[in-house]
Amino acid sequence: MLQKTFSLTTKEINKEQIWKLMSDVNNWKNWDTSVENSELKGKFETGSGFLFKPKGGPNVNIKLIDVKPYTYFKDETNFPLAKMNGEHWYEETAEGLKITITMTMTGALSFLWNRIVMKGIVAQLEDDITNQIKNASKN
């Protein structure tokens, strides 16, 4: 198993603002320059999924494994002989909203899919969260 976590705390937004931004999957492309397209299938809830197309990459089906509105969601992407999970926590603290993302890769070919996919995602976590805060503050 390969795993990486990044956290950032901010007073610029609250959990309602970040949740509105993140649960509006169809509009990710309007604020995230790494997304070519994303389309939610159903509602943003446990068991639903979405089609995700990163710029320059193929379409990927992602499933929402666990959704707790305004606090947490976990998504799962399946690759040949590997599985990648993204966990997103939103916690109100005395210092502000703590945003934590943990990326995990498991499976026989996790080392390969880490190199091809997850390593790039992990390298951008700080920039991604900063961009999410900036765009959520507009709501």
N, C-alpha and C. Protein backbone atom coordinates (compact mmCIF):
# COMPACT_ATOMS: atom_id res chain seq x y z
N MET A 1 0.84 -1.18 0.00
CA MET A 1 0.00 0.00 0.00
C MET A 1 0.89 1.25 0.00
N LEU A 2 0.53 2.20 -0.83
CA LEU A 2 1.21 3.49 -0.89
C LEU A 2 0.21 4.55 -0.47
N GLN A 3 0.65 5.48 0.39
CA GLN A 3 -0.29 6.47 0.91
C GLN A 3 0.41 7.81 1.15
N LYS A 4 -0.32 8.89 0.87
CA LYS A 4 0.19 10.24 1.11
C LYS A 4 -0.97 11.12 1.57
N THR A 5 -0.71 11.91 2.63
CA THR A 5 -1.72 12.81 3.17
C THR A 5 -1.21 14.24 3.17
N PHE A 6 -2.10 15.17 2.87
CA PHE A 6 -1.77 16.59 2.96
C PHE A 6 -2.94 17.31 3.63
N SER A 7 -2.62 18.22 4.56
CA SER A 7 -3.64 19.02 5.26
C SER A 7 -3.29 20.49 5.18
N LEU A 8 -4.34 21.31 5.17
CA LEU A 8 -4.18 22.75 5.19
C LEU A 8 -5.35 23.32 5.98
N THR A 9 -5.10 24.31 6.82
CA THR A 9 -6.16 24.95 7.61
C THR A 9 -6.31 26.39 7.15
N THR A 10 -7.56 26.83 6.97
CA THR A 10 -7.85 28.16 6.45
C THR A 10 -9.03 28.80 7.18
N LYS A 11 -8.99 30.11 7.27
CA LYS A 11 -10.13 30.87 7.80
C LYS A 11 -10.89 31.55 6.66
N GLU A 12 -10.46 31.33 5.43
CA GLU A 12 -11.04 31.99 4.26
C GLU A 12 -12.41 31.45 3.87
N ILE A 13 -12.66 30.17 4.17
CA ILE A 13 -13.93 29.53 3.77
C ILE A 13 -14.43 28.65 4.91
N ASN A 14 -15.70 28.22 4.77
CA ASN A 14 -16.27 27.27 5.72
C ASN A 14 -16.59 25.97 4.99
N LYS A 15 -17.04 24.97 5.75
CA LYS A 15 -17.28 23.66 5.14
C LYS A 15 -18.42 23.67 4.14
N GLU A 16 -19.39 24.57 4.32
CA GLU A 16 -20.49 24.67 3.37
C GLU A 16 -19.98 25.15 2.01
N GLN A 17 -19.08 26.11 2.02
CA GLN A 17 -18.53 26.64 0.77
C GLN A 17 -17.69 25.59 0.03
N ILE A 18 -16.82 24.88 0.74
CA ILE A 18 -15.99 23.88 0.07
C ILE A 18 -16.85 22.71 -0.40
N TRP A 19 -17.87 22.35 0.37
CA TRP A 19 -18.74 21.24 -0.03
C TRP A 19 -19.51 21.59 -1.29
N LYS A 20 -20.00 22.82 -1.38
CA LYS A 20 -20.73 23.27 -2.58
C LYS A 20 -19.83 23.15 -3.81
N LEU A 21 -18.57 23.58 -3.67
CA LEU A 21 -17.63 23.51 -4.78
C LEU A 21 -17.32 22.07 -5.18
N MET A 22 -16.99 21.24 -4.20
CA MET A 22 -16.55 19.87 -4.49
C MET A 22 -17.68 18.95 -4.93
N SER A 23 -18.87 19.16 -4.41
CA SER A 23 -19.99 18.29 -4.79
C SER A 23 -20.60 18.66 -6.14
N ASP A 24 -20.20 19.79 -6.70
CA ASP A 24 -20.67 20.22 -8.02
C ASP A 24 -19.68 19.71 -9.08
N VAL A 25 -19.62 18.41 -9.20
CA VAL A 25 -18.63 17.73 -10.06
C VAL A 25 -18.69 18.22 -11.50
N ASN A 26 -19.89 18.47 -12.01
CA ASN A 26 -20.03 18.88 -13.41
C ASN A 26 -19.34 20.19 -13.73
N ASN A 27 -19.07 21.01 -12.73
CA ASN A 27 -18.43 22.31 -12.96
C ASN A 27 -16.98 22.37 -12.54
N TRP A 28 -16.36 21.24 -12.22
CA TRP A 28 -14.94 21.25 -11.84
C TRP A 28 -14.08 21.89 -12.92
N LYS A 29 -14.42 21.64 -14.18
CA LYS A 29 -13.62 22.16 -15.29
C LYS A 29 -13.62 23.69 -15.33
N ASN A 30 -14.60 24.32 -14.68
CA ASN A 30 -14.68 25.78 -14.69
C ASN A 30 -13.69 26.45 -13.74
N TRP A 31 -13.12 25.68 -12.82
CA TRP A 31 -12.17 26.27 -11.88
C TRP A 31 -10.87 25.49 -11.73
N ASP A 32 -10.84 24.23 -12.20
CA ASP A 32 -9.64 23.40 -12.08
C ASP A 32 -9.04 23.21 -13.47
N THR A 33 -7.90 23.83 -13.71
CA THR A 33 -7.29 23.80 -15.05
C THR A 33 -6.77 22.42 -15.45
N SER A 34 -6.68 21.47 -14.51
CA SER A 34 -6.22 20.13 -14.86
C SER A 34 -7.36 19.22 -15.33
N VAL A 35 -8.60 19.73 -15.26
CA VAL A 35 -9.78 18.93 -15.61
C VAL A 35 -10.31 19.36 -16.97
N GLU A 36 -10.40 18.40 -17.88
CA GLU A 36 -11.01 18.67 -19.18
C GLU A 36 -12.52 18.55 -19.08
N ASN A 37 -12.98 17.50 -18.37
CA ASN A 37 -14.41 17.31 -18.20
C ASN A 37 -14.67 16.39 -17.02
N SER A 38 -15.81 16.57 -16.39
CA SER A 38 -16.25 15.69 -15.31
C SER A 38 -17.77 15.70 -15.30
N GLU A 39 -18.34 14.53 -15.13
CA GLU A 39 -19.81 14.41 -15.19
C GLU A 39 -20.30 13.45 -14.11
N LEU A 40 -21.08 14.01 -13.18
CA LEU A 40 -21.65 13.23 -12.09
C LEU A 40 -22.81 12.39 -12.62
N LYS A 41 -22.82 11.13 -12.25
CA LYS A 41 -23.91 10.21 -12.62
C LYS A 41 -24.81 10.07 -11.39
N GLY A 42 -25.89 10.79 -11.35
CA GLY A 42 -26.78 10.77 -10.20
C GLY A 42 -26.47 11.91 -9.26
N LYS A 43 -26.65 11.67 -7.96
CA LYS A 43 -26.40 12.68 -6.94
C LYS A 43 -25.03 12.44 -6.30
N PHE A 44 -24.51 13.47 -5.64
CA PHE A 44 -23.24 13.34 -4.94
C PHE A 44 -23.51 12.63 -3.62
N GLU A 45 -23.55 11.29 -3.68
CA GLU A 45 -23.88 10.48 -2.52
C GLU A 45 -23.21 9.11 -2.65
N THR A 46 -23.12 8.41 -1.53
CA THR A 46 -22.53 7.08 -1.51
C THR A 46 -23.16 6.19 -2.58
N GLY A 47 -22.33 5.53 -3.36
CA GLY A 47 -22.80 4.61 -4.40
C GLY A 47 -22.88 5.22 -5.79
N SER A 48 -22.91 6.54 -5.88
CA SER A 48 -22.92 7.20 -7.19
C SER A 48 -21.50 7.21 -7.75
N GLY A 49 -21.38 7.70 -8.95
CA GLY A 49 -20.08 7.79 -9.57
C GLY A 49 -20.01 8.96 -10.52
N PHE A 50 -18.84 9.16 -11.07
CA PHE A 50 -18.71 10.22 -12.07
C PHE A 50 -17.63 9.85 -13.07
N LEU A 51 -17.77 10.42 -14.25
CA LEU A 51 -16.80 10.26 -15.32
C LEU A 51 -15.85 11.44 -15.22
N PHE A 52 -14.57 11.17 -15.23
CA PHE A 52 -13.56 12.20 -15.04
C PHE A 52 -12.56 12.12 -16.18
N LYS A 53 -12.27 13.27 -16.80
CA LYS A 53 -11.27 13.31 -17.88
C LYS A 53 -10.25 14.40 -17.56
N PRO A 54 -9.05 13.97 -17.13
CA PRO A 54 -8.01 14.97 -16.91
C PRO A 54 -7.49 15.48 -18.25
N LYS A 55 -6.98 16.71 -18.28
CA LYS A 55 -6.43 17.25 -19.52
C LYS A 55 -5.31 16.34 -20.00
N GLY A 56 -5.41 15.93 -21.25
CA GLY A 56 -4.40 15.08 -21.86
C GLY A 56 -4.49 13.61 -21.47
N GLY A 57 -5.52 13.24 -20.70
CA GLY A 57 -5.65 11.86 -20.25
C GLY A 57 -6.94 11.23 -20.73
N PRO A 58 -7.12 9.95 -20.44
CA PRO A 58 -8.32 9.23 -20.86
C PRO A 58 -9.47 9.45 -19.86
N ASN A 59 -10.68 9.13 -20.29
CA ASN A 59 -11.84 9.13 -19.38
C ASN A 59 -11.63 8.07 -18.32
N VAL A 60 -11.98 8.41 -17.08
CA VAL A 60 -11.84 7.49 -15.96
C VAL A 60 -13.15 7.47 -15.19
N ASN A 61 -13.63 6.28 -14.86
CA ASN A 61 -14.82 6.15 -14.02
C ASN A 61 -14.40 6.14 -12.56
N ILE A 62 -15.02 7.00 -11.76
CA ILE A 62 -14.70 7.10 -10.33
C ILE A 62 -15.99 6.88 -9.55
N LYS A 63 -15.90 6.07 -8.51
CA LYS A 63 -17.08 5.76 -7.69
C LYS A 63 -16.96 6.46 -6.33
N LEU A 64 -18.08 6.99 -5.85
CA LEU A 64 -18.14 7.57 -4.51
C LEU A 64 -18.44 6.44 -3.54
N ILE A 65 -17.45 6.07 -2.75
CA ILE A 65 -17.54 4.93 -1.83
C ILE A 65 -18.26 5.31 -0.54
N ASP A 66 -18.02 6.52 -0.06
CA ASP A 66 -18.61 6.97 1.20
C ASP A 66 -18.74 8.49 1.15
N VAL A 67 -19.94 8.99 1.40
CA VAL A 67 -20.18 10.43 1.40
C VAL A 67 -20.92 10.81 2.68
N LYS A 68 -20.32 11.72 3.44
CA LYS A 68 -20.94 12.29 4.64
C LYS A 68 -20.99 13.80 4.40
N PRO A 69 -22.16 14.32 3.99
CA PRO A 69 -22.25 15.72 3.57
C PRO A 69 -21.56 16.70 4.53
N TYR A 70 -20.82 17.61 3.92
CA TYR A 70 -20.12 18.71 4.59
C TYR A 70 -18.93 18.27 5.43
N THR A 71 -18.65 16.96 5.54
CA THR A 71 -17.54 16.51 6.38
C THR A 71 -16.54 15.61 5.67
N TYR A 72 -16.99 14.75 4.75
CA TYR A 72 -16.09 13.71 4.24
C TYR A 72 -16.66 13.08 2.98
N PHE A 73 -15.74 12.77 2.05
CA PHE A 73 -16.10 11.83 0.98
C PHE A 73 -14.88 11.05 0.56
N LYS A 74 -15.15 9.82 0.12
CA LYS A 74 -14.10 8.92 -0.34
C LYS A 74 -14.47 8.45 -1.74
N ASP A 75 -13.52 8.58 -2.67
CA ASP A 75 -13.76 8.10 -4.03
C ASP A 75 -12.78 6.98 -4.35
N GLU A 76 -13.14 6.19 -5.36
CA GLU A 76 -12.33 5.04 -5.73
C GLU A 76 -12.22 4.94 -7.24
N THR A 77 -10.99 4.73 -7.70
CA THR A 77 -10.70 4.54 -9.11
C THR A 77 -10.02 3.17 -9.25
N ASN A 78 -10.52 2.36 -10.16
CA ASN A 78 -9.95 1.03 -10.39
C ASN A 78 -9.05 1.05 -11.63
N PHE A 79 -7.88 0.47 -11.47
CA PHE A 79 -6.93 0.27 -12.55
C PHE A 79 -6.66 -1.23 -12.63
N PRO A 80 -6.07 -1.71 -13.73
CA PRO A 80 -5.72 -3.13 -13.77
C PRO A 80 -4.79 -3.48 -12.59
N LEU A 81 -5.26 -4.39 -11.75
CA LEU A 81 -4.52 -4.91 -10.60
C LEU A 81 -4.13 -3.84 -9.57
N ALA A 82 -4.91 -2.75 -9.51
CA ALA A 82 -4.67 -1.72 -8.50
C ALA A 82 -5.94 -0.89 -8.30
N LYS A 83 -5.99 -0.25 -7.15
CA LYS A 83 -7.14 0.58 -6.79
C LYS A 83 -6.60 1.84 -6.10
N MET A 84 -7.13 3.00 -6.50
CA MET A 84 -6.73 4.26 -5.89
C MET A 84 -7.93 4.88 -5.18
N ASN A 85 -7.71 5.29 -3.93
CA ASN A 85 -8.75 5.97 -3.17
C ASN A 85 -8.30 7.38 -2.82
N GLY A 86 -9.23 8.30 -2.91
CA GLY A 86 -9.01 9.67 -2.45
C GLY A 86 -9.99 9.93 -1.32
N GLU A 87 -9.47 10.32 -0.16
CA GLU A 87 -10.32 10.65 0.98
C GLU A 87 -10.18 12.14 1.26
N HIS A 88 -11.31 12.80 1.45
CA HIS A 88 -11.37 14.25 1.60
C HIS A 88 -12.13 14.57 2.89
N TRP A 89 -11.43 15.19 3.86
CA TRP A 89 -12.05 15.56 5.13
C TRP A 89 -12.15 17.08 5.23
N TYR A 90 -13.26 17.55 5.81
CA TYR A 90 -13.48 18.98 6.07
C TYR A 90 -13.89 19.11 7.53
N GLU A 91 -12.98 19.68 8.35
CA GLU A 91 -13.20 19.72 9.79
C GLU A 91 -13.07 21.15 10.31
N GLU A 92 -14.13 21.63 10.95
CA GLU A 92 -14.09 22.96 11.58
C GLU A 92 -13.24 22.86 12.84
N THR A 93 -12.24 23.73 12.96
CA THR A 93 -11.38 23.77 14.14
C THR A 93 -11.32 25.22 14.63
N ALA A 94 -10.73 25.43 15.80
CA ALA A 94 -10.56 26.78 16.33
C ALA A 94 -9.68 27.63 15.42
N GLU A 95 -8.78 27.00 14.68
CA GLU A 95 -7.88 27.70 13.77
C GLU A 95 -8.51 27.94 12.39
N GLY A 96 -9.66 27.36 12.13
CA GLY A 96 -10.32 27.49 10.83
C GLY A 96 -10.71 26.12 10.28
N LEU A 97 -11.06 26.10 9.03
CA LEU A 97 -11.45 24.85 8.37
C LEU A 97 -10.20 24.06 8.01
N LYS A 98 -10.10 22.85 8.54
CA LYS A 98 -8.99 21.96 8.22
C LYS A 98 -9.42 21.05 7.08
N ILE A 99 -8.69 21.16 5.96
CA ILE A 99 -8.95 20.35 4.77
C ILE A 99 -7.83 19.32 4.68
N THR A 100 -8.21 18.05 4.63
CA THR A 100 -7.22 16.97 4.56
C THR A 100 -7.58 16.06 3.39
N ILE A 101 -6.58 15.74 2.60
CA ILE A 101 -6.76 14.78 1.50
C ILE A 101 -5.72 13.68 1.68
N THR A 102 -6.19 12.43 1.65
CA THR A 102 -5.31 11.27 1.69
C THR A 102 -5.52 10.46 0.43
N MET A 103 -4.44 10.20 -0.28
CA MET A 103 -4.47 9.37 -1.48
C MET A 103 -3.82 8.03 -1.13
N THR A 104 -4.48 6.93 -1.52
CA THR A 104 -4.00 5.59 -1.22
C THR A 104 -4.06 4.73 -2.48
N MET A 105 -3.00 3.99 -2.73
CA MET A 105 -2.96 3.05 -3.85
C MET A 105 -2.69 1.67 -3.29
N THR A 106 -3.53 0.70 -3.66
CA THR A 106 -3.35 -0.68 -3.23
C THR A 106 -3.42 -1.62 -4.43
N GLY A 107 -2.93 -2.83 -4.25
CA GLY A 107 -3.02 -3.84 -5.30
C GLY A 107 -1.65 -4.24 -5.81
N ALA A 108 -1.64 -5.33 -6.57
CA ALA A 108 -0.39 -5.93 -7.06
C ALA A 108 0.43 -4.96 -7.92
N LEU A 109 -0.25 -4.11 -8.70
CA LEU A 109 0.47 -3.16 -9.55
C LEU A 109 0.40 -1.73 -9.00
N SER A 110 0.24 -1.60 -7.69
CA SER A 110 0.15 -0.27 -7.09
C SER A 110 1.41 0.56 -7.36
N PHE A 111 2.58 -0.07 -7.35
CA PHE A 111 3.83 0.65 -7.62
C PHE A 111 3.80 1.30 -9.00
N LEU A 112 3.24 0.59 -9.99
CA LEU A 112 3.18 1.09 -11.36
C LEU A 112 2.17 2.23 -11.48
N TRP A 113 0.96 2.02 -10.95
CA TRP A 113 -0.09 3.04 -11.04
C TRP A 113 0.24 4.25 -10.17
N ASN A 114 1.01 4.05 -9.13
CA ASN A 114 1.49 5.18 -8.35
C ASN A 114 2.37 6.07 -9.24
N ARG A 115 3.28 5.44 -9.96
CA ARG A 115 4.19 6.18 -10.82
C ARG A 115 3.45 6.87 -11.97
N ILE A 116 2.46 6.18 -12.55
CA ILE A 116 1.74 6.72 -13.71
C ILE A 116 0.72 7.78 -13.31
N VAL A 117 0.00 7.57 -12.19
CA VAL A 117 -1.15 8.43 -11.86
C VAL A 117 -1.00 9.14 -10.51
N MET A 118 -0.88 8.37 -9.43
CA MET A 118 -1.00 8.96 -8.10
C MET A 118 0.13 9.92 -7.76
N LYS A 119 1.33 9.64 -8.20
CA LYS A 119 2.47 10.50 -7.90
C LYS A 119 2.21 11.94 -8.37
N GLY A 120 1.64 12.09 -9.53
CA GLY A 120 1.32 13.42 -10.06
C GLY A 120 0.23 14.11 -9.26
N ILE A 121 -0.77 13.34 -8.84
CA ILE A 121 -1.86 13.90 -8.03
C ILE A 121 -1.31 14.38 -6.70
N VAL A 122 -0.51 13.55 -6.06
CA VAL A 122 0.06 13.89 -4.75
C VAL A 122 0.95 15.13 -4.85
N ALA A 123 1.72 15.24 -5.92
CA ALA A 123 2.61 16.39 -6.10
C ALA A 123 1.83 17.70 -6.18
N GLN A 124 0.57 17.63 -6.59
CA GLN A 124 -0.25 18.83 -6.77
C GLN A 124 -1.22 19.10 -5.62
N LEU A 125 -1.21 18.27 -4.57
CA LEU A 125 -2.22 18.42 -3.51
C LEU A 125 -2.26 19.81 -2.89
N GLU A 126 -1.12 20.37 -2.55
CA GLU A 126 -1.11 21.70 -1.93
C GLU A 126 -1.69 22.75 -2.87
N ASP A 127 -1.26 22.74 -4.12
CA ASP A 127 -1.79 23.69 -5.10
C ASP A 127 -3.28 23.47 -5.33
N ASP A 128 -3.70 22.20 -5.38
CA ASP A 128 -5.12 21.89 -5.59
C ASP A 128 -5.98 22.42 -4.46
N ILE A 129 -5.55 22.21 -3.22
CA ILE A 129 -6.35 22.68 -2.08
C ILE A 129 -6.38 24.21 -2.05
N THR A 130 -5.26 24.84 -2.34
CA THR A 130 -5.22 26.31 -2.39
C THR A 130 -6.18 26.83 -3.45
N ASN A 131 -6.22 26.18 -4.60
CA ASN A 131 -7.14 26.56 -5.67
C ASN A 131 -8.59 26.32 -5.26
N GLN A 132 -8.86 25.22 -4.57
CA GLN A 132 -10.22 24.96 -4.08
C GLN A 132 -10.66 26.05 -3.11
N ILE A 133 -9.79 26.46 -2.21
CA ILE A 133 -10.13 27.52 -1.25
C ILE A 133 -10.45 28.81 -1.98
N LYS A 134 -9.60 29.17 -2.93
CA LYS A 134 -9.80 30.39 -3.71
C LYS A 134 -11.16 30.39 -4.41
N ASN A 135 -11.49 29.26 -5.04
CA ASN A 135 -12.75 29.20 -5.79
C ASN A 135 -13.96 29.02 -4.88
N ALA A 136 -13.82 28.32 -3.78
CA ALA A 136 -14.93 28.16 -2.84
C ALA A 136 -15.27 29.50 -2.18
N SER A 137 -14.28 30.37 -2.01
CA SER A 137 -14.52 31.66 -1.37
C SER A 137 -15.40 32.57 -2.22
N LYS A 138 -15.57 32.25 -3.48
CA LYS A 138 -16.43 33.03 -4.38
C LYS A 138 -17.90 32.72 -4.17
N ASN A 139 -18.20 31.64 -3.43
CA ASN A 139 -19.59 31.20 -3.20
C ASN A 139 -20.12 31.78 -1.91
